[in-house]
Amino acid sequence: MPGPPEVPVVADVCASCGKPLPERTGRKGRSSLYCSAACRQKAYRERQGAGSGVDGLIEDIGRRVQELVPQPASVLYSGVTELSASVARLRRVARVARDSANDSVTPASVTEKTPKAATEKNPKAVTEKTPEAVTEKTAEALTDTDFAALTESHRREIQVHCYRMTGSYDDAEDLVQETFLRAWRAREDFQGRATARTWLYRIATNACLDFQRRTARRPQRYEPIPGMNHGTGEPPARITWLQPYPDDELPSAEEQPESAAVSRETLELVFLAAIQHLPPRQRAVLILRDVLGLSAAETADALGLTVASANSALQRARPTLRDHLPGQRADWSAGEPTQAQRAVLQGYMTAAERLDFDAMTELLGKDVRLTMPPNPFWFTGRDALVEFLRPTLDPASPMFFGHWRHLPARANGQLAAGGYVRRPGTNVYRAQVLDVLRFDADDRIVEITSFEPHLFPDFGLPLKL
């Protein structure tokens, strides 16, 4: 059966300095656009500089359009990729500017609360410094486009923060918009004693805490389904709202100076699942202190707590977090997926496409675990998972699900596979599941978290093949 399509060829010269890129013989994965960390950092600064104002961003897009050349194809592909990123950035700026100018245009998830609801527990949360990009302007002089450009420069960080706080990509998207609307309404109180980044983090954290008070979510345990062999292991935690985060939106440490804010290690699903067990305020303290690196005083100020209360919350949160983490992952020092793990991912996709049940079984660890949030299905141990998979991959079985194709993906810093199924009697492969994989020290699959396909477009995956 045909495998996944090849990754488009990228330019063989550095997108920053024009020098030849290093040879990639024997290396797999996403190709670099830059020849060195210095060029990558330079490009990042240029992008941020272009995004510091709407005029600069428009000029950047115009320059990129003028630089497009049809040949060679690899250079065209590289140029269009950079142009697409700039246009997407301008689109987001325009959307925020529109929503700020028309304050009644509010996402469905935003409540009718005024900014006071987000800040009354912490009056200082809206008395912060004019952002770096607009330091020459007073709060009253900020236009809607100035404000939109400011918030856009911090959008990804704030989105990741809201995602850590909630564990849900959809909710994080809504909370980013709520954060920016609250900030816009509170802009007149923006006086200048700290950075725009800190100011936005405070508002975002309070927006997330308000959201969690409304939803009162708590992890549960999976329960047995009558007639189904779930395995002999303990039922895992069931976090029905857990969703994956598109890895293409995660910059490397070289691309993003505030690397702790978006580090891949603290976005892995096991970490996201573990912190969902913390009460919301403890979760906020742990993220602000241990993930973002804020001081105890800054954390207490952001949450309207005393320093002693913030330290106490952190001391309670850390052991609870450790209790819900896999033993071998207590230090969060993981790097990029290895070549061996990439080979396992390819084998996983190929085995499913060929309906090769034995090959699939060989890739699984003995204690592999499968969960399917928000669905109630779960399996612990290879034997139970194999028993579940066997009839679905057997064309002679009445439970045969169909023929599969997969596209490789990345989610939460982990390898993933977007699965498409062609059901019996049809001829179209439709998006079915996004499998996010975790590996053990022997590069066997020890955890599969299977998500529903509605987020495929956010991962750059089509909904049908």
Protein backbone atom coordinates (compact mmCIF):
# COMPACT_ATOMS: atom_id res chain seq x y z
CA MET A 1 0.00 0.00 0.00
CA PRO A 2 1.31 3.52 -0.66
CA GLY A 3 3.06 5.21 2.18
CA PRO A 4 2.71 8.84 3.28
CA PRO A 5 3.65 11.50 0.74
CA GLU A 6 7.17 12.81 0.79
CA VAL A 7 7.92 16.04 2.65
CA PRO A 8 8.32 18.90 0.15
CA VAL A 9 11.90 19.68 -0.74
CA VAL A 10 13.13 22.88 0.91
CA ALA A 11 15.79 25.29 -0.20
CA ASP A 12 19.41 24.15 -0.06
CA VAL A 13 20.60 27.61 0.91
CA CYS A 14 20.18 29.50 4.19
CA ALA A 15 17.07 31.68 4.22
CA SER A 16 18.97 34.33 6.16
CA CYS A 17 22.48 34.61 4.72
CA GLY A 18 22.17 32.64 1.46
CA LYS A 19 25.04 30.27 2.25
CA PRO A 20 24.67 26.52 1.49
CA LEU A 21 22.93 24.46 4.15
CA PRO A 22 24.82 21.57 5.80
CA GLU A 23 24.43 18.12 4.23
CA ARG A 24 21.54 16.08 5.65
CA THR A 25 22.76 12.65 4.57
CA GLY A 26 21.17 10.03 6.78
CA ARG A 27 19.11 12.56 8.71
CA LYS A 28 15.33 12.56 8.78
CA GLY A 29 12.76 14.99 10.06
CA ARG A 30 12.00 18.60 9.29
CA SER A 31 14.72 20.34 7.24
CA SER A 32 16.20 23.56 8.56
CA LEU A 33 15.85 26.85 6.72
CA TYR A 34 19.01 28.25 8.33
CA CYS A 35 22.67 27.28 8.31
CA SER A 36 23.33 28.13 11.95
CA ALA A 37 21.74 29.13 15.23
CA ALA A 38 22.99 32.69 14.64
CA CYS A 39 21.09 32.95 11.34
CA ARG A 40 17.99 31.45 12.91
CA GLN A 41 18.14 33.97 15.75
CA LYS A 42 18.71 36.82 13.27
CA ALA A 43 15.64 35.75 11.29
CA TYR A 44 13.62 35.55 14.49
CA ARG A 45 14.60 39.11 15.44
CA GLU A 46 13.74 40.31 11.96
CA ARG A 47 10.31 38.68 12.17
CA GLN A 48 9.70 40.20 15.59
CA GLY A 49 10.88 43.59 14.35
CA ALA A 50 8.55 43.41 11.39
CA GLY A 51 5.73 42.45 13.70
CA SER A 52 6.27 45.33 16.13
CA GLY A 53 4.00 47.51 14.02
CA VAL A 54 1.41 47.00 11.33
CA ASP A 55 3.29 49.18 8.83
CA GLY A 56 6.47 47.18 9.33
CA LEU A 57 4.61 43.90 8.92
CA ILE A 58 2.98 45.09 5.69
CA GLU A 59 6.38 46.23 4.41
CA ASP A 60 7.83 42.83 5.29
CA ILE A 61 5.10 41.07 3.30
CA GLY A 62 5.68 43.36 0.31
CA ARG A 63 9.41 42.66 0.42
CA ARG A 64 8.83 38.91 0.55
CA VAL A 65 6.45 39.12 -2.44
CA GLN A 66 9.07 41.02 -4.45
CA GLU A 67 11.72 38.41 -3.59
CA LEU A 68 9.64 35.45 -4.82
CA VAL A 69 11.13 33.67 -7.82
CA PRO A 70 9.52 30.72 -9.64
CA GLN A 71 12.72 28.71 -10.04
CA PRO A 72 14.29 26.70 -8.59
CA ALA A 73 11.26 25.07 -6.97
CA SER A 74 13.01 24.62 -3.60
CA VAL A 75 13.71 28.35 -3.34
CA LEU A 76 10.10 29.16 -4.29
CA TYR A 77 8.83 26.77 -1.63
CA SER A 78 11.03 28.38 1.03
CA GLY A 79 9.92 31.88 0.03
CA VAL A 80 6.23 31.00 0.00
CA THR A 81 6.55 29.36 3.41
CA GLU A 82 8.02 32.53 4.91
CA LEU A 83 5.40 34.68 3.15
CA SER A 84 2.55 32.51 4.43
CA ALA A 85 3.77 32.91 8.01
CA SER A 86 3.88 36.71 7.64
CA VAL A 87 0.42 36.86 6.06
CA ALA A 88 -1.01 34.67 8.84
CA ARG A 89 0.55 37.00 11.38
CA LEU A 90 -1.01 40.06 9.71
CA ARG A 91 -4.38 38.30 9.56
CA ARG A 92 -4.27 37.70 13.32
CA VAL A 93 -3.29 41.33 13.94
CA ALA A 94 -6.19 42.51 11.79
CA ARG A 95 -8.62 40.21 13.60
CA VAL A 96 -7.57 41.45 17.02
CA ALA A 97 -7.70 45.07 15.81
CA ARG A 98 -11.21 44.51 14.48
CA ASP A 99 -12.39 42.91 17.71
CA SER A 100 -10.75 45.66 19.77
CA ALA A 101 -12.33 48.42 17.70
CA ASN A 102 -15.72 46.71 17.89
CA ASP A 103 -15.72 45.75 21.53
CA SER A 104 -19.09 44.07 21.13
CA VAL A 105 -17.54 41.50 18.77
CA THR A 106 -16.73 38.91 21.38
CA PRO A 107 -15.93 35.19 21.07
CA ALA A 108 -18.70 32.92 22.28
CA SER A 109 -16.56 31.78 25.20
CA VAL A 110 -16.05 35.31 26.56
CA THR A 111 -18.41 36.13 29.38
CA GLU A 112 -20.09 39.46 29.93
CA LYS A 113 -17.70 40.27 32.76
CA THR A 114 -15.76 43.52 32.64
CA PRO A 115 -12.00 43.63 33.17
CA LYS A 116 -12.72 44.22 36.84
CA ALA A 117 -13.77 40.58 37.16
CA ALA A 118 -10.34 39.54 35.97
CA THR A 119 -8.43 41.92 38.19
CA GLU A 120 -10.41 42.69 41.31
CA LYS A 121 -8.48 39.99 43.20
CA ASN A 122 -5.26 41.60 42.04
CA PRO A 123 -5.63 45.34 41.40
CA LYS A 124 -2.04 45.61 40.19
CA ALA A 125 -2.72 43.21 37.32
CA VAL A 126 -3.71 46.11 35.07
CA THR A 127 -1.18 48.71 36.17
CA GLU A 128 1.78 47.71 34.08
CA LYS A 129 4.25 49.21 31.67
CA THR A 130 3.56 50.23 28.11
CA PRO A 131 4.85 47.37 25.88
CA GLU A 132 8.34 47.40 24.39
CA ALA A 133 7.05 47.94 20.84
CA VAL A 134 5.05 51.03 21.80
CA THR A 135 7.06 52.54 24.66
CA GLU A 136 6.93 55.98 23.08
CA LYS A 137 3.17 56.06 23.32
CA THR A 138 0.95 56.49 26.33
CA ALA A 139 -1.87 54.05 26.93
CA GLU A 140 -4.37 56.63 25.75
CA ALA A 141 -2.45 57.05 22.47
CA LEU A 142 -2.53 53.35 21.58
CA THR A 143 -4.60 52.77 18.46
CA ASP A 144 -6.41 49.51 17.91
CA THR A 145 -3.76 48.46 15.37
CA ASP A 146 -0.93 49.36 17.78
CA PHE A 147 -2.58 47.23 20.41
CA ALA A 148 -3.20 44.37 17.98
CA ALA A 149 0.44 44.34 16.91
CA LEU A 150 1.52 44.33 20.55
CA THR A 151 -0.69 41.42 21.52
CA GLU A 152 0.21 39.47 18.39
CA SER A 153 3.90 39.58 19.35
CA HIS A 154 2.98 37.68 22.54
CA ARG A 155 0.14 35.58 21.14
CA ARG A 156 1.94 32.25 20.98
CA GLU A 157 3.34 32.50 24.49
CA ILE A 158 -0.07 33.39 25.91
CA GLN A 159 -1.73 30.61 23.94
CA VAL A 160 0.75 28.05 25.28
CA HIS A 161 0.23 29.38 28.81
CA CYS A 162 -3.55 29.04 28.52
CA TYR A 163 -3.09 25.56 27.04
CA ARG A 164 -0.97 24.45 30.01
CA MET A 165 -3.52 25.87 32.40
CA THR A 166 -6.49 24.12 30.74
CA GLY A 167 -5.08 21.13 28.82
CA SER A 168 -7.41 22.01 25.94
CA TYR A 169 -6.34 23.56 22.62
CA ASP A 170 -9.87 24.78 21.87
CA ASP A 171 -10.24 26.42 25.29
CA ALA A 172 -6.77 27.97 25.00
CA GLU A 173 -7.77 29.60 21.69
CA ASP A 174 -10.85 31.12 23.31
CA LEU A 175 -8.93 32.25 26.38
CA VAL A 176 -6.31 34.03 24.28
CA GLN A 177 -9.08 36.12 22.73
CA GLU A 178 -10.59 36.76 26.16
CA THR A 179 -7.18 37.82 27.48
CA PHE A 180 -6.68 40.32 24.66
CA LEU A 181 -10.18 41.74 25.05
CA ARG A 182 -9.68 42.17 28.79
CA ALA A 183 -6.33 43.81 28.15
CA TRP A 184 -7.87 46.19 25.59
CA ARG A 185 -10.61 47.22 27.99
CA ALA A 186 -8.02 47.77 30.74
CA ARG A 187 -5.49 49.63 28.57
CA GLU A 188 -6.13 53.02 30.19
CA ASP A 189 -4.76 51.65 33.47
CA PHE A 190 -1.60 50.43 31.76
CA GLN A 191 0.92 52.71 33.51
CA GLY A 192 4.38 51.27 33.12
CA ARG A 193 5.94 49.47 36.09
CA ALA A 194 6.62 46.12 34.36
CA THR A 195 6.73 44.59 30.88
CA ALA A 196 3.80 43.99 28.57
CA ARG A 197 4.62 40.29 28.70
CA THR A 198 4.16 40.17 32.48
CA TRP A 199 0.98 42.22 32.23
CA LEU A 200 -0.53 39.86 29.66
CA TYR A 201 0.50 36.78 31.64
CA ARG A 202 -1.31 38.14 34.69
CA ILE A 203 -4.50 38.81 32.78
CA ALA A 204 -4.30 35.42 31.02
CA THR A 205 -3.76 33.57 34.30
CA ASN A 206 -6.77 35.24 35.88
CA ALA A 207 -8.87 34.53 32.78
CA CYS A 208 -7.91 30.85 33.05
CA LEU A 209 -8.71 30.75 36.77
CA ASP A 210 -12.13 32.31 36.11
CA PHE A 211 -12.73 29.71 33.40
CA GLN A 212 -11.77 26.86 35.73
CA ARG A 213 -14.10 28.14 38.43
CA ARG A 214 -16.94 28.02 35.91
CA THR A 215 -16.16 24.54 34.62
CA ALA A 216 -14.95 22.88 37.86
CA ARG A 217 -13.18 20.12 35.92
CA ARG A 218 -11.56 17.28 37.83
CA PRO A 219 -9.77 14.20 36.42
CA GLN A 220 -11.59 10.92 36.98
CA ARG A 221 -10.60 7.27 36.53
CA TYR A 222 -11.58 5.20 33.51
CA GLU A 223 -14.19 2.59 34.33
CA PRO A 224 -14.48 -0.91 32.84
CA ILE A 225 -16.84 -1.35 29.91
CA PRO A 226 -18.87 -4.57 30.20
CA GLY A 227 -17.62 -7.30 27.89
CA MET A 228 -14.33 -5.55 27.06
CA ASN A 229 -10.88 -6.75 28.14
CA HIS A 230 -9.05 -3.64 29.33
CA GLY A 231 -6.00 -5.48 30.63
CA THR A 232 -4.73 -6.11 34.13
CA GLY A 233 -3.18 -2.70 34.75
CA GLU A 234 -4.71 0.01 36.91
CA PRO A 235 -7.23 2.18 35.05
CA PRO A 236 -5.50 5.40 33.96
CA ALA A 237 -6.74 8.89 34.71
CA ARG A 238 -9.54 9.99 32.41
CA ILE A 239 -9.17 13.63 31.34
CA THR A 240 -11.99 14.10 28.88
CA TRP A 241 -10.98 17.66 27.90
CA LEU A 242 -7.34 16.83 27.08
CA GLN A 243 -6.37 17.83 23.52
CA PRO A 244 -3.08 17.87 21.57
CA TYR A 245 -1.10 21.00 20.69
CA PRO A 246 0.20 21.48 17.12
CA ASP A 247 3.97 21.09 17.20
CA ASP A 248 4.48 23.35 14.18
CA GLU A 249 3.50 26.24 16.45
CA LEU A 250 6.29 25.44 18.93
CA PRO A 251 9.50 27.34 18.19
CA SER A 252 12.87 25.90 19.10
CA ALA A 253 14.90 27.48 21.89
CA GLU A 254 17.07 29.06 19.20
CA GLU A 255 14.07 30.70 17.55
CA GLN A 256 12.35 31.90 20.71
CA PRO A 257 14.37 33.70 23.39
CA GLU A 258 11.70 33.06 26.06
CA SER A 259 12.20 29.34 25.45
CA ALA A 260 10.91 28.30 28.86
CA ALA A 261 7.52 29.75 27.98
CA VAL A 262 7.06 27.37 25.07
CA SER A 263 9.46 24.52 25.89
CA ARG A 264 8.44 21.21 24.40
CA GLU A 265 9.26 19.21 27.53
CA THR A 266 6.60 20.96 29.62
CA LEU A 267 4.03 20.49 26.86
CA GLU A 268 4.31 16.70 26.62
CA LEU A 269 0.99 14.99 27.22
CA VAL A 270 2.11 13.16 30.36
CA PHE A 271 3.06 16.51 31.91
CA LEU A 272 -0.18 18.15 30.74
CA ALA A 273 -2.20 15.25 32.17
CA ALA A 274 -0.28 15.35 35.46
CA ILE A 275 -0.81 19.06 36.15
CA GLN A 276 -4.55 18.68 35.54
CA HIS A 277 -4.64 16.91 38.91
CA LEU A 278 -3.56 20.09 40.68
CA PRO A 279 -6.14 22.58 41.99
CA PRO A 280 -6.25 25.58 39.64
CA ARG A 281 -4.37 27.99 41.90
CA GLN A 282 -1.63 25.46 42.67
CA ARG A 283 -1.39 24.75 38.95
CA ALA A 284 -1.00 28.44 38.22
CA VAL A 285 1.72 28.86 40.87
CA LEU A 286 3.65 25.83 39.59
CA ILE A 287 3.50 27.00 35.97
CA LEU A 288 4.51 30.56 36.80
CA ARG A 289 7.37 29.47 39.08
CA ASP A 290 8.74 26.21 37.66
CA VAL A 291 7.87 26.57 33.98
CA LEU A 292 8.05 30.31 33.31
CA GLY A 293 10.68 31.02 35.96
CA LEU A 294 8.93 33.92 37.69
CA SER A 295 10.09 34.81 41.18
CA ALA A 296 8.00 34.13 44.25
CA ALA A 297 7.20 37.84 44.53
CA GLU A 298 6.18 38.12 40.86
CA THR A 299 4.00 35.02 41.15
CA ALA A 300 2.33 36.25 44.32
CA ASP A 301 1.71 39.64 42.71
CA ALA A 302 0.20 38.07 39.59
CA LEU A 303 -2.24 35.97 41.61
CA GLY A 304 -3.04 38.46 44.37
CA LEU A 305 -1.41 36.26 47.03
CA THR A 306 1.18 36.81 49.73
CA VAL A 307 4.65 35.44 49.01
CA ALA A 308 4.17 32.94 51.85
CA SER A 309 0.91 31.69 50.33
CA ALA A 310 2.50 31.34 46.88
CA ASN A 311 5.43 29.37 48.32
CA SER A 312 3.06 27.15 50.27
CA ALA A 313 1.00 26.40 47.15
CA LEU A 314 4.18 25.49 45.26
CA GLN A 315 5.34 23.16 48.03
CA ARG A 316 2.01 21.32 47.87
CA ALA A 317 1.93 21.22 44.06
CA ARG A 318 5.36 19.69 43.42
CA PRO A 319 4.87 16.33 45.22
CA THR A 320 1.39 15.95 43.71
CA LEU A 321 2.86 16.49 40.25
CA ARG A 322 5.62 13.92 40.85
CA ASP A 323 3.03 11.36 41.97
CA HIS A 324 1.31 11.59 38.58
CA LEU A 325 4.42 11.54 36.37
CA PRO A 326 6.12 8.44 34.94
CA GLY A 327 9.14 7.63 37.09
CA GLN A 328 11.66 8.00 34.29
CA ARG A 329 10.40 11.48 33.41
CA ALA A 330 10.79 13.25 36.74
CA ASP A 331 13.43 15.69 35.49
CA TRP A 332 11.93 16.76 32.13
CA SER A 333 15.20 16.69 30.22
CA ALA A 334 13.85 15.12 27.01
CA GLY A 335 15.12 16.34 23.66
CA GLU A 336 14.07 15.84 20.08
CA PRO A 337 12.77 12.40 19.03
CA THR A 338 15.58 10.04 18.04
CA GLN A 339 16.20 8.43 14.66
CA ALA A 340 15.13 5.10 16.14
CA GLN A 341 11.82 6.59 17.32
CA ARG A 342 11.21 8.09 13.90
CA ALA A 343 11.79 4.64 12.41
CA VAL A 344 9.24 3.19 14.83
CA LEU A 345 6.71 5.84 13.80
CA GLN A 346 7.25 4.92 10.14
CA GLY A 347 6.87 1.24 11.00
CA TYR A 348 3.69 2.00 12.93
CA MET A 349 2.13 3.77 9.95
CA THR A 350 3.29 1.16 7.45
CA ALA A 351 2.01 -1.75 9.56
CA ALA A 352 -1.44 -0.16 9.78
CA GLU A 353 -1.55 0.56 6.06
CA ARG A 354 -0.52 -3.00 5.18
CA LEU A 355 -2.86 -4.45 7.83
CA ASP A 356 0.25 -6.19 9.15
CA PHE A 357 -0.88 -7.14 12.61
CA ASP A 358 2.31 -8.96 13.60
CA ALA A 359 4.50 -6.00 12.64
CA MET A 360 2.27 -3.69 14.66
CA THR A 361 2.53 -5.95 17.71
CA GLU A 362 6.35 -5.94 17.55
CA LEU A 363 6.42 -2.17 17.97
CA LEU A 364 4.46 -2.17 21.23
CA GLY A 365 5.97 -2.31 24.70
CA LYS A 366 4.72 -4.95 27.12
CA ASP A 367 3.03 -2.35 29.33
CA VAL A 368 1.70 -0.16 26.51
CA ARG A 369 -1.34 1.96 27.35
CA LEU A 370 -3.99 3.33 25.01
CA THR A 371 -6.49 6.05 25.88
CA MET A 372 -8.91 7.93 23.62
CA PRO A 373 -10.04 11.20 25.23
CA PRO A 374 -12.87 12.09 25.46
CA ASN A 375 -14.10 8.56 24.67
CA PRO A 376 -14.37 5.91 27.43
CA PHE A 377 -12.13 3.28 25.75
CA TRP A 378 -8.83 2.35 27.37
CA PHE A 379 -6.38 -0.56 27.43
CA THR A 380 -3.37 -1.35 29.58
CA GLY A 381 -0.87 -3.99 28.47
CA ARG A 382 0.05 -5.32 25.04
CA ASP A 383 -2.18 -8.39 25.27
CA ALA A 384 -5.34 -6.37 25.87
CA LEU A 385 -4.50 -3.86 23.16
CA VAL A 386 -3.68 -6.62 20.67
CA GLU A 387 -6.98 -8.32 21.41
CA PHE A 388 -8.78 -5.05 20.67
CA LEU A 389 -6.85 -4.31 17.46
CA ARG A 390 -6.83 -7.76 15.86
CA PRO A 391 -10.42 -7.88 14.53
CA THR A 392 -10.29 -4.25 13.35
CA LEU A 393 -7.24 -4.98 11.15
CA ASP A 394 -8.52 -8.31 9.78
CA PRO A 395 -10.43 -7.96 6.48
CA ALA A 396 -12.13 -11.32 7.15
CA SER A 397 -13.56 -10.13 10.48
CA PRO A 398 -17.06 -8.64 10.73
CA MET A 399 -15.42 -5.97 12.91
CA PHE A 400 -12.96 -4.95 10.18
CA PHE A 401 -12.79 -1.17 10.31
CA GLY A 402 -11.32 -0.44 6.90
CA HIS A 403 -8.07 0.33 5.09
CA TRP A 404 -5.69 2.89 6.58
CA ARG A 405 -3.30 5.55 5.41
CA HIS A 406 -1.28 7.85 7.64
CA LEU A 407 0.57 11.15 7.52
CA PRO A 408 3.36 11.91 10.00
CA ALA A 409 2.75 14.75 12.44
CA ARG A 410 4.12 16.30 15.60
CA ALA A 411 2.12 17.12 18.71
CA ASN A 412 3.31 18.40 22.09
CA GLY A 413 6.94 17.81 21.14
CA GLN A 414 6.13 14.15 20.41
CA LEU A 415 5.85 12.07 17.27
CA ALA A 416 2.33 11.51 16.03
CA ALA A 417 0.43 9.99 13.13
CA GLY A 418 -2.70 11.35 11.49
CA GLY A 419 -4.81 8.33 10.56
CA TYR A 420 -7.25 8.19 7.63
CA VAL A 421 -9.57 5.27 7.06
CA ARG A 422 -11.37 4.08 3.94
CA ARG A 423 -14.39 2.24 5.22
CA PRO A 424 -15.59 -0.88 3.38
CA GLY A 425 -17.70 0.08 0.37
CA THR A 426 -16.20 3.59 0.06
CA ASN A 427 -13.27 4.99 -1.91
CA VAL A 428 -12.28 8.07 0.15
CA TYR A 429 -9.86 8.10 3.06
CA ARG A 430 -11.35 10.32 5.77
CA ALA A 431 -9.63 11.72 8.89
CA GLN A 432 -10.22 9.33 11.76
CA VAL A 433 -7.70 9.74 14.57
CA LEU A 434 -4.52 11.51 15.64
CA ASP A 435 -2.27 9.08 17.52
CA VAL A 436 0.36 10.73 19.73
CA LEU A 437 3.11 8.28 20.72
CA ARG A 438 5.38 7.99 23.74
CA PHE A 439 8.40 5.66 23.81
CA ASP A 440 10.38 3.80 26.45
CA ALA A 441 14.17 3.57 26.73
CA ASP A 442 14.16 0.69 24.22
CA ASP A 443 12.26 2.78 21.64
CA ARG A 444 9.09 0.75 21.93
CA ILE A 445 5.71 2.42 22.04
CA VAL A 446 4.55 2.57 25.66
CA GLU A 447 1.66 5.00 25.31
CA ILE A 448 -0.76 5.91 22.54
CA THR A 449 -3.14 8.81 23.11
CA SER A 450 -5.73 8.84 20.35
CA PHE A 451 -7.59 12.08 19.66
CA GLU A 452 -10.60 12.86 17.51
CA PRO A 453 -9.84 14.42 14.11
CA HIS A 454 -11.49 17.85 14.34
CA LEU A 455 -8.11 19.50 15.02
CA PHE A 456 -6.46 18.07 11.88
CA PRO A 457 -6.48 21.47 10.08
CA ASP A 458 -4.58 23.02 13.00
CA PHE A 459 -1.88 20.39 12.45
CA GLY A 460 -1.70 21.15 8.72
CA LEU A 461 -3.44 17.85 7.95
CA PRO A 462 -6.30 17.55 5.44
CA LEU A 463 -9.62 16.09 6.50
CA LYS A 464 -9.63 13.58 3.65
CA LEU A 465 -7.18 12.07 1.17
